[in-house]
Protein backbone atom coordinates (compact mmCIF):
# COMPACT_ATOMS: atom_id res chain seq x y z
CA UNK A 1 54.88 -33.74 14.77
CA UNK A 2 54.97 -30.26 16.27
CA UNK A 3 58.14 -28.30 15.74
CA UNK A 4 60.65 -28.07 18.59
CA UNK A 5 60.26 -24.87 20.58
CA UNK A 6 62.83 -22.31 19.51
CA UNK A 7 64.82 -19.95 21.65
CA UNK A 8 63.78 -16.28 21.35
CA UNK A 9 67.41 -15.49 20.49
CA UNK A 10 68.10 -18.49 18.28
CA UNK A 11 67.50 -18.89 14.54
CA UNK A 12 63.94 -19.43 13.41
CA UNK A 13 62.88 -21.47 10.42
CA UNK A 14 59.38 -22.19 9.11
CA UNK A 15 58.51 -25.78 8.35
CA UNK A 16 55.32 -27.61 7.45
CA UNK A 17 54.35 -29.76 10.43
CA UNK A 18 50.81 -30.80 9.52
CA UNK A 19 48.73 -31.36 6.40
CA UNK A 20 45.18 -32.33 5.52
CA UNK A 21 42.72 -32.33 2.64
CA UNK A 22 38.99 -32.55 2.05
CA UNK A 23 37.06 -33.18 -1.15
CA UNK A 24 33.33 -33.61 -1.83
CA UNK A 25 31.92 -37.11 -2.14
CA UNK A 26 30.26 -36.52 -5.50
CA UNK A 27 32.35 -37.65 -8.47
CA UNK A 28 31.55 -36.26 -11.92
CA UNK A 29 33.24 -38.11 -14.78
CA UNK A 30 33.94 -36.97 -18.31
CA UNK A 31 31.13 -39.24 -19.51
CA UNK A 32 28.76 -37.43 -17.15
CA UNK A 33 29.75 -34.09 -18.69
CA UNK A 34 29.32 -35.47 -22.20
CA UNK A 35 25.61 -35.72 -21.42
CA UNK A 36 25.18 -31.98 -20.82
CA UNK A 37 27.69 -30.40 -23.25
CA UNK A 38 29.06 -31.53 -26.59
CA UNK A 39 32.30 -33.20 -25.56
CA UNK A 40 33.70 -36.65 -24.92
CA UNK A 41 35.95 -38.47 -22.50
CA UNK A 42 38.59 -38.80 -25.22
CA UNK A 43 38.58 -35.05 -25.98
CA UNK A 44 38.79 -33.97 -22.32
CA UNK A 45 41.48 -36.52 -21.47
CA UNK A 46 43.65 -35.73 -24.48
CA UNK A 47 43.40 -31.95 -24.04
CA UNK A 48 43.63 -31.70 -20.23
CA UNK A 49 44.51 -35.07 -18.66
CA UNK A 50 41.36 -34.90 -16.50
CA UNK A 51 39.20 -38.02 -16.07
CA UNK A 52 36.94 -36.90 -13.22
CA UNK A 53 36.45 -34.15 -10.68
CA UNK A 54 34.72 -33.68 -7.29
CA UNK A 55 31.67 -31.39 -7.13
CA UNK A 56 30.19 -29.97 -3.91
CA UNK A 57 26.55 -30.62 -3.10
CA UNK A 58 24.16 -28.15 -1.49
CA UNK A 59 25.48 -28.86 2.01
CA UNK A 60 29.14 -28.37 1.14
CA UNK A 61 30.72 -24.94 0.84
CA UNK A 62 34.18 -23.42 0.76
CA UNK A 63 33.93 -23.06 4.55
CA UNK A 64 32.92 -26.64 5.32
CA UNK A 65 35.68 -28.06 3.12
CA UNK A 66 38.24 -25.67 4.64
CA UNK A 67 37.26 -26.66 8.20
CA UNK A 68 37.61 -30.37 7.46
CA UNK A 69 41.05 -29.91 5.89
CA UNK A 70 42.13 -27.65 8.76
CA UNK A 71 41.12 -30.12 11.47
CA UNK A 72 43.06 -32.89 9.74
CA UNK A 73 46.16 -30.71 9.39
CA UNK A 74 46.03 -29.72 13.07
CA UNK A 75 45.69 -33.35 14.14
CA UNK A 76 48.73 -34.36 12.07
CA UNK A 77 50.77 -31.44 13.45
CA UNK A 78 49.78 -32.12 17.04
CA UNK A 79 48.76 -28.48 17.38
CA UNK A 80 45.57 -27.46 19.17
CA UNK A 81 43.48 -24.72 17.51
CA UNK A 82 44.10 -22.42 20.46
CA UNK A 83 47.83 -22.48 19.71
CA UNK A 84 47.40 -20.90 16.28
CA UNK A 85 48.54 -17.31 15.83
CA UNK A 86 47.20 -16.75 12.33
CA UNK A 87 44.76 -18.30 9.84
CA UNK A 88 45.10 -17.54 6.11
CA UNK A 89 42.59 -18.81 3.57
CA UNK A 90 43.51 -18.57 -0.12
CA UNK A 91 40.38 -18.69 -2.28
CA UNK A 92 38.63 -17.17 -5.28
CA UNK A 93 35.27 -18.59 -4.15
CA UNK A 94 34.88 -17.25 -0.60
CA UNK A 95 31.89 -18.05 1.58
CA UNK A 96 30.83 -14.39 1.36
CA UNK A 97 32.31 -11.17 -0.03
CA UNK A 98 32.66 -10.37 3.66
CA UNK A 99 33.24 -11.48 6.37
CA UNK A 100 36.36 -13.35 5.34
CA UNK A 101 36.19 -17.12 5.09
CA UNK A 102 39.31 -17.22 7.28
CA UNK A 103 37.43 -15.53 10.13
CA UNK A 104 34.65 -18.09 9.85
CA UNK A 105 37.20 -20.93 9.87
CA UNK A 106 38.92 -19.35 12.89
CA UNK A 107 35.60 -19.35 14.73
CA UNK A 108 34.53 -22.85 13.68
CA UNK A 109 37.76 -24.59 14.71
CA UNK A 110 38.21 -22.58 17.91
CA UNK A 111 41.41 -20.71 17.02
CA UNK A 112 40.57 -18.17 19.71
CA UNK A 113 44.00 -16.50 19.78
CA UNK A 114 44.47 -16.19 16.01
CA UNK A 115 44.13 -13.36 13.53
CA UNK A 116 42.53 -14.31 10.22
CA UNK A 117 42.24 -13.02 6.67
CA UNK A 118 41.54 -14.18 3.11
CA UNK A 119 43.99 -13.92 0.23
CA UNK A 120 42.99 -13.77 -3.44
CA UNK A 121 45.70 -14.54 -6.00
CA UNK A 122 43.91 -17.01 -8.24
CA UNK A 123 45.41 -20.47 -8.51
CA UNK A 124 48.69 -19.08 -7.09
CA UNK A 125 46.92 -18.15 -3.86
CA UNK A 126 48.09 -21.06 -1.72
CA UNK A 127 51.77 -20.39 -2.50
CA UNK A 128 51.29 -16.67 -1.80
CA UNK A 129 49.72 -17.56 1.56
CA UNK A 130 52.44 -20.09 2.35
CA UNK A 131 55.13 -17.46 1.68
CA UNK A 132 53.37 -14.98 3.98
CA UNK A 133 53.03 -17.62 6.70
CA UNK A 134 56.75 -18.43 6.49
CA UNK A 135 57.61 -14.74 6.79
CA UNK A 136 55.38 -14.39 9.87
CA UNK A 137 57.03 -17.40 11.53
CA UNK A 138 60.62 -16.50 10.68
CA UNK A 139 60.15 -12.91 11.88
CA UNK A 140 58.88 -14.09 15.27
CA UNK A 141 55.36 -12.70 14.83
CA UNK A 142 53.86 -16.21 14.89
CA UNK A 143 54.74 -19.69 16.10
CA UNK A 144 51.98 -21.61 14.29
CA UNK A 145 50.12 -20.48 11.16
CA UNK A 146 47.30 -22.37 9.47
CA UNK A 147 47.31 -21.98 5.66
CA UNK A 148 44.31 -23.22 3.67
CA UNK A 149 43.52 -23.34 -0.02
CA UNK A 150 39.80 -23.97 -0.49
CA UNK A 151 37.48 -23.67 -3.48
CA UNK A 152 33.98 -24.45 -4.72
CA UNK A 153 34.60 -23.50 -8.32
CA UNK A 154 31.47 -25.36 -9.42
CA UNK A 155 29.51 -22.34 -8.11
CA UNK A 156 31.10 -19.98 -10.66
CA UNK A 157 31.22 -22.34 -13.65
CA UNK A 158 28.86 -22.03 -16.62
CA UNK A 159 27.73 -25.62 -17.09
CA UNK A 160 26.85 -24.88 -20.72
CA UNK A 161 30.41 -23.80 -21.59
CA UNK A 162 32.60 -26.80 -22.34
CA UNK A 163 35.73 -24.63 -22.35
CA UNK A 164 35.45 -24.18 -18.57
CA UNK A 165 33.02 -26.69 -17.08
CA UNK A 166 35.26 -29.64 -17.97
CA UNK A 167 38.26 -28.15 -16.17
CA UNK A 168 37.32 -27.29 -12.63
CA UNK A 169 36.56 -29.17 -9.43
CA UNK A 170 36.01 -28.48 -5.73
CA UNK A 171 38.18 -29.25 -2.72
CA UNK A 172 40.41 -27.94 0.06
CA UNK A 173 43.90 -28.53 1.38
CA UNK A 174 45.60 -27.16 4.50
CA UNK A 175 49.01 -27.08 6.15
CA UNK A 176 50.30 -25.94 9.52
CA UNK A 177 53.50 -23.88 9.33
CA UNK A 178 55.44 -23.89 12.60
CA UNK A 179 58.63 -22.38 13.98
CA UNK A 180 61.63 -24.68 14.33
CA UNK A 181 65.30 -24.34 15.19
CA UNK A 182 66.60 -26.78 12.57
CA UNK A 183 67.57 -25.40 9.19
CA UNK A 184 64.72 -26.81 7.14
CA UNK A 185 61.29 -25.89 5.88
CA UNK A 186 60.54 -23.04 3.48
CA UNK A 187 63.89 -21.76 2.24
CA UNK A 188 62.88 -19.35 -0.56
CA UNK A 189 59.86 -18.01 -2.41
CA UNK A 190 59.22 -16.17 -5.67
CA UNK A 191 56.03 -14.17 -6.26
CA UNK A 192 55.02 -12.38 -9.43
CA UNK A 193 52.12 -10.69 -11.20
CA UNK A 194 51.21 -9.24 -14.61
CA UNK A 195 47.90 -7.39 -14.37
CA UNK A 196 47.88 -6.66 -18.09
CA UNK A 197 46.55 -10.20 -18.51
CA UNK A 198 43.73 -9.78 -16.01
CA UNK A 199 41.04 -10.19 -18.66
CA UNK A 200 42.38 -13.58 -19.75
CA UNK A 201 40.89 -15.36 -16.73
CA UNK A 202 38.12 -13.41 -15.04
CA UNK A 203 34.69 -13.39 -13.43
CA UNK A 204 33.53 -10.06 -14.91
CA UNK A 205 30.37 -9.60 -12.84
CA UNK A 206 29.64 -9.14 -9.16
CA UNK A 207 32.31 -6.59 -8.23
CA UNK A 208 32.22 -2.80 -7.99
CA UNK A 209 32.91 -2.46 -11.73
CA UNK A 210 29.91 -4.57 -12.73
CA UNK A 211 27.50 -4.97 -9.80
CA UNK A 212 24.95 -7.75 -9.99
CA UNK A 213 21.95 -6.86 -12.16
CA UNK A 214 19.38 -8.61 -14.30
CA UNK A 215 21.29 -7.70 -17.45
CA UNK A 216 24.54 -9.07 -16.00
CA UNK A 217 22.90 -12.38 -15.10
CA UNK A 218 21.32 -12.65 -18.54
CA UNK A 219 24.78 -12.23 -20.11
CA UNK A 220 26.23 -14.88 -17.79
CA UNK A 221 28.88 -12.51 -16.45
CA UNK A 222 28.64 -14.10 -13.01
CA UNK A 223 30.55 -17.09 -14.43
CA UNK A 224 34.27 -17.57 -15.00
CA UNK A 225 35.52 -16.57 -18.47
CA UNK A 226 38.84 -17.76 -19.87
CA UNK A 227 40.95 -17.25 -22.95
CA UNK A 228 42.30 -20.79 -22.88
CA UNK A 229 44.87 -20.39 -25.63
CA UNK A 230 46.51 -17.31 -24.07
CA UNK A 231 46.47 -18.75 -20.54
CA UNK A 232 48.10 -21.92 -21.86
CA UNK A 233 50.83 -19.90 -23.57
CA UNK A 234 51.45 -17.90 -20.39
CA UNK A 235 51.50 -20.99 -18.16
CA UNK A 236 53.93 -23.03 -20.27
CA UNK A 237 56.40 -20.16 -20.07
CA UNK A 238 56.02 -18.99 -16.47
CA UNK A 239 55.91 -22.34 -14.67
CA UNK A 240 59.43 -23.49 -15.64
CA UNK A 241 60.75 -19.93 -15.26
CA UNK A 242 59.37 -19.61 -11.69
CA UNK A 243 60.68 -23.05 -10.79
CA UNK A 244 64.20 -22.22 -11.95
CA UNK A 245 64.08 -18.84 -10.21
CA UNK A 246 63.13 -20.21 -6.78
CA UNK A 247 65.71 -23.00 -7.03
CA UNK A 248 68.40 -20.41 -7.75
CA UNK A 249 67.17 -18.19 -4.91
CA UNK A 250 67.45 -21.12 -2.48
CA UNK A 251 71.04 -21.72 -3.60
CA UNK A 252 70.23 -25.13 -5.08
CA UNK A 253 70.71 -26.80 -8.43
CA UNK A 254 67.77 -28.22 -10.37
CA UNK A 255 69.30 -31.67 -9.95
CA UNK A 256 68.92 -31.26 -6.16
CA UNK A 257 65.12 -31.15 -6.39
CA UNK A 258 63.57 -34.48 -5.40
CA UNK A 259 59.98 -33.56 -6.27
CA UNK A 260 58.09 -30.74 -7.99
CA UNK A 261 54.44 -30.27 -7.02
CA UNK A 262 52.91 -28.05 -9.72
CA UNK A 263 49.50 -26.44 -9.86
CA UNK A 264 47.22 -29.07 -11.38
CA UNK A 265 45.67 -27.09 -14.24
CA UNK A 266 46.42 -29.10 -17.37
CA UNK A 267 48.66 -32.11 -17.89
CA UNK A 268 49.96 -30.58 -21.14
CA UNK A 269 51.22 -27.54 -19.20
CA UNK A 270 53.00 -29.84 -16.75
CA UNK A 271 54.51 -31.84 -19.63
CA UNK A 272 55.80 -28.61 -21.19
CA UNK A 273 57.43 -27.63 -17.89
CA UNK A 274 59.10 -31.04 -17.62
CA UNK A 275 60.53 -30.65 -21.11
CA UNK A 276 61.80 -27.08 -20.56
CA UNK A 277 63.38 -27.84 -17.19
CA UNK A 278 65.00 -31.04 -18.42
CA UNK A 279 64.00 -33.00 -15.31
CA UNK A 280 62.76 -36.61 -15.29
CA UNK A 281 58.98 -36.90 -15.43
CA UNK A 282 58.93 -38.98 -12.25
CA UNK A 283 60.08 -35.93 -10.28
CA UNK A 284 56.72 -34.24 -10.92
CA UNK A 285 53.64 -35.21 -8.93
CA UNK A 286 50.41 -35.26 -10.95
CA UNK A 287 46.88 -36.04 -9.73
CA UNK A 288 44.84 -33.85 -12.08
CA UNK A 289 43.17 -36.93 -13.53
CA UNK A 290 41.19 -37.43 -10.29
CA UNK A 291 40.37 -33.87 -9.20
CA UNK A 292 40.66 -31.51 -12.15
CA UNK A 293 41.73 -27.93 -11.51
CA UNK A 294 40.84 -26.99 -7.92
CA UNK A 295 42.61 -23.61 -8.13
CA UNK A 296 44.26 -22.66 -4.82
CA UNK A 297 43.43 -26.08 -3.36
CA UNK A 298 45.27 -28.08 -6.03
CA UNK A 299 48.81 -27.83 -4.62
CA UNK A 300 47.98 -28.67 -0.97
CA UNK A 301 45.78 -31.57 -2.12
CA UNK A 302 48.64 -32.85 -4.27
CA UNK A 303 51.05 -32.42 -1.34
CA UNK A 304 48.83 -34.55 0.90
CA UNK A 305 48.59 -37.28 -1.72
CA UNK A 306 52.34 -37.21 -2.41
CA UNK A 307 53.02 -37.72 1.31
CA UNK A 308 50.48 -40.56 1.50
CA UNK A 309 52.11 -42.20 -1.54
CA UNK A 310 55.55 -42.12 0.10
CA UNK A 311 56.94 -39.67 -2.45
CA UNK A 312 58.34 -37.29 0.22
CA UNK A 313 61.00 -38.15 2.81
CA UNK A 314 62.89 -36.21 5.47
CA UNK A 315 65.61 -34.11 3.90
CA UNK A 316 64.02 -34.02 0.44
CA UNK A 317 64.17 -30.73 -1.43
CA UNK A 318 60.82 -29.79 -2.95
CA UNK A 319 59.44 -27.08 -5.19
CA UNK A 320 55.77 -26.11 -5.25
CA UNK A 321 54.84 -23.83 -8.14
CA UNK A 322 51.61 -22.31 -9.40
CA UNK A 323 50.10 -19.73 -11.74
CA UNK A 324 46.64 -18.26 -12.09
CA UNK A 325 44.28 -15.36 -12.56
CA UNK A 326 45.76 -11.94 -12.21
CA UNK A 327 47.86 -12.99 -13.97
CA UNK A 328 49.95 -14.29 -11.06
CA UNK A 329 52.64 -16.87 -10.44
CA UNK A 330 54.41 -18.14 -7.32
CA UNK A 331 56.88 -20.80 -6.23
CA UNK A 332 58.44 -21.96 -2.95
CA UNK A 333 61.51 -24.08 -2.32
CA UNK A 334 61.41 -26.12 0.87
CA UNK A 335 63.44 -28.78 2.57
CA UNK A 336 61.19 -31.36 4.14
CA UNK A 337 61.89 -31.54 7.85
CA UNK A 338 59.32 -34.09 9.00
CA UNK A 339 60.29 -37.79 9.09
CA UNK A 340 57.90 -39.62 6.80
CA UNK A 341 55.90 -41.68 7.20
CA UNK A 342 54.93 -39.56 10.18
CA UNK A 343 53.61 -41.34 13.24
CA UNK A 344 49.79 -41.18 13.12
CA UNK A 345 48.27 -39.12 15.90
CA UNK A 346 46.19 -41.14 18.37
CA UNK A 347 42.48 -41.18 17.73
CA UNK A 348 42.11 -39.42 21.08
CA UNK A 349 44.00 -36.39 19.81
CA UNK A 350 41.92 -36.23 16.64
CA UNK A 351 38.81 -36.41 18.82
CA UNK A 352 40.25 -33.68 21.02
CA UNK A 353 40.66 -31.32 18.05
CA UNK A 354 37.04 -31.89 17.07
CA UNK A 355 35.85 -31.57 20.68
CA UNK A 356 37.65 -28.24 20.92
CA UNK A 357 35.86 -27.13 17.74
CA UNK A 358 32.52 -28.25 19.19
CA UNK A 359 33.06 -26.21 22.34
CA UNK A 360 34.19 -23.27 20.20
CA UNK A 361 30.93 -23.51 18.24
CA UNK A 362 28.99 -23.54 21.52
CA UNK A 363 30.83 -20.44 22.68
CA UNK A 364 30.20 -18.72 19.35
CA UNK A 365 26.49 -19.46 19.55
CA UNK A 366 26.37 -18.08 23.07
CA UNK A 367 27.97 -14.82 21.97
CA UNK A 368 25.49 -14.46 19.09
CA UNK A 369 22.57 -15.06 21.46
CA UNK A 370 23.95 -12.41 23.79
CA UNK A 371 24.22 -9.88 20.96
CA UNK A 372 20.70 -10.60 19.68
CA UNK A 373 19.26 -10.36 23.19
CA UNK A 374 20.84 -6.96 23.71
CA UNK A 375 19.79 -5.63 20.30
CA UNK A 376 16.19 -6.83 20.42
CA UNK A 377 15.37 -6.33 24.10
CA UNK A 378 17.57 -3.52 25.32
CA UNK A 379 18.83 -1.54 22.39
CA UNK A 380 21.52 1.11 22.74
CA UNK A 381 19.49 2.92 25.43
CA UNK A 382 17.91 0.03 27.27
CA UNK A 383 16.90 0.13 30.91
CA UNK A 384 20.03 -0.14 33.02
CA UNK A 385 18.49 -2.57 35.49
CA UNK A 386 17.24 -4.91 32.79
CA UNK A 387 20.59 -4.71 31.02
CA UNK A 388 22.37 -5.75 34.20
CA UNK A 389 19.98 -8.67 34.68
CA UNK A 390 20.53 -9.99 31.15
CA UNK A 391 24.29 -9.49 31.41
CA UNK A 392 24.26 -11.45 34.67
CA UNK A 393 22.36 -14.36 33.08
CA UNK A 394 24.57 -14.49 30.01
CA UNK A 395 27.61 -14.18 32.26
CA UNK A 396 26.60 -17.37 34.05
CA UNK A 397 26.26 -19.19 30.74
CA UNK A 398 29.63 -17.89 29.62
CA UNK A 399 31.24 -19.12 32.83
CA UNK A 400 29.83 -22.61 32.23
CA UNK A 401 31.39 -22.72 28.77
CA UNK A 402 34.68 -21.37 30.08
CA UNK A 403 34.77 -24.06 32.75
CA UNK A 404 34.48 -26.73 30.04
CA UNK A 405 37.18 -25.19 27.87
CA UNK A 406 39.49 -23.99 30.63
CA UNK A 407 41.35 -27.24 31.12
CA UNK A 408 42.04 -27.41 27.38
CA UNK A 409 43.44 -23.88 27.28
CA UNK A 410 45.54 -24.18 30.42
CA UNK A 411 46.97 -27.65 29.97
CA UNK A 412 47.38 -27.80 26.19
CA UNK A 413 47.79 -24.18 25.19
CA UNK A 414 49.30 -22.52 28.21
CA UNK A 415 47.97 -19.04 27.48
CA UNK A 416 44.75 -17.12 27.82
CA UNK A 417 43.09 -16.66 24.42
CA UNK A 418 41.06 -13.74 23.22
CA UNK A 419 37.33 -14.31 22.53
CA UNK A 420 36.50 -15.54 19.02
CA UNK A 421 34.60 -13.72 16.35
CA UNK A 422 31.24 -15.06 15.32
CA UNK A 423 30.41 -16.64 12.00
CA UNK A 424 28.30 -19.40 10.61
CA UNK A 425 28.21 -21.33 7.36
CA UNK A 426 25.81 -20.53 4.61
CA UNK A 427 23.89 -22.98 2.47
CA UNK A 428 24.45 -22.39 -1.20
CA UNK A 429 23.15 -24.12 -4.32
CA UNK A 430 25.28 -26.88 -5.76
CA UNK A 431 26.06 -27.74 -9.37
CA UNK A 432 23.17 -27.73 -11.89
CA UNK A 433 20.45 -30.32 -11.53
CA UNK A 434 21.93 -32.29 -14.43
CA UNK A 435 24.91 -33.01 -12.14
CA UNK A 436 22.89 -32.97 -8.89
CA UNK A 437 19.88 -35.14 -8.09
CA UNK A 438 20.02 -36.91 -11.44
CA UNK A 439 23.59 -35.95 -12.20
CA UNK A 440 27.05 -36.67 -10.95
CA UNK A 441 27.62 -39.58 -8.61
CA UNK A 442 29.23 -40.47 -5.39
CA UNK A 443 31.66 -43.37 -5.31
CA UNK A 444 29.59 -46.33 -6.46
CA UNK A 445 26.64 -44.11 -7.46
CA UNK A 446 24.80 -43.74 -10.75
CA UNK A 447 26.03 -41.67 -13.63
CA UNK A 448 24.42 -38.38 -14.54
CA UNK A 449 21.86 -37.77 -17.22
CA UNK A 450 21.07 -34.36 -18.62
CA UNK A 451 19.99 -32.45 -21.70
CA UNK A 452 22.26 -31.91 -24.66
CA UNK A 453 23.41 -28.34 -25.21
CA UNK A 454 24.76 -26.80 -28.39
CA UNK A 455 28.55 -27.00 -28.74
CA UNK A 456 30.79 -24.16 -27.65
CA UNK A 457 33.93 -23.10 -29.41
CA UNK A 458 36.98 -24.82 -27.97
CA UNK A 459 40.54 -23.78 -27.29
CA UNK A 460 43.46 -25.15 -25.38
CA UNK A 461 42.21 -25.62 -21.84
CA UNK A 462 44.10 -24.30 -18.85
């Protein structure tokens, strides 16, 4: 349900009007992992609460998962991509160092009038992005903002290190934040950071400090490193503290909170927060057993599942809280303003969102062809006559695409968008072969088989 249009002079609030998630098909269980590192289902479950996780294959990337989640969120919100003013992608596993994954998402879905940027704040990233989106909407700079948390953490995990490989999974979640006149939506946010703990959860290689080299790869510095015990100690303190702080900032009492959606890092951390806050356990939503720690995607994925399970109703007061690398922490307090269960959008509208994305992809390809033609045939000092001839031919093609998309822009958007930026997905390797062709499984598939590796030292997992 799209938010009611607000008066330029009236109050503006920022509410979540659409939501969507996407996870890979491949399921990797604890028993699968026990075949490649020295661990067991009992150990992983008792220390983390995780039973399985989703792992991306070679065709799935942070971008492809983000696009799927975004299209679902737009369909639920009843917002066409061309109506978006801003796209924010929170991730620690971007498609490339640059361009931003957000720009590639903007191009793929056809958000032709939107700005786009990535945000890196570890597992707190989605809440950071949600806070920024709410500020943009409340200030009048945007009417609709798409916020995505998307990760392929399996690409930065050392599959020989049981301290980390058992924890993480892949996935994406997205929400649409829209302006509304009713007093609801995101009411308060708390953001924090302590860079003195930056080395506790880090990928040491690949940046300007330690550029990629043979020596770096031999040391395994391209993989995530974690001091599990220290991260656990930090998390069990900061999660209840951030929750209490945002509740106070919103002018609520803890008893007013109907549901807390925490970052899904470790069930023991969530249990500690429940104990310190003194709230009933049934007011916390937990799905870590099925997905593991998906970093910035964990909270939006949990939000989508909480809505589907009927745990959220109109008027409910919610808290979403996370912590992560940096060290960072963040929390938002929001009053749910969408009647739930929301009326499903017609299949036609869902098709329309995907058709818009298809036409956007066609337009993007046309623009790339035009650039390549100019660069390879004309160059910066090409013959003027030939340049005019090529520009005339590409102009005709552009007009054909604009004719197909014009009725969508005029009737459903009501404004003339700017041309999109170009971008295309990249194919990256998936998890190791032990969890790939012979490893992992899709729903109903075969379990993995792989070599045994020597045990690693263990600590409390985050």
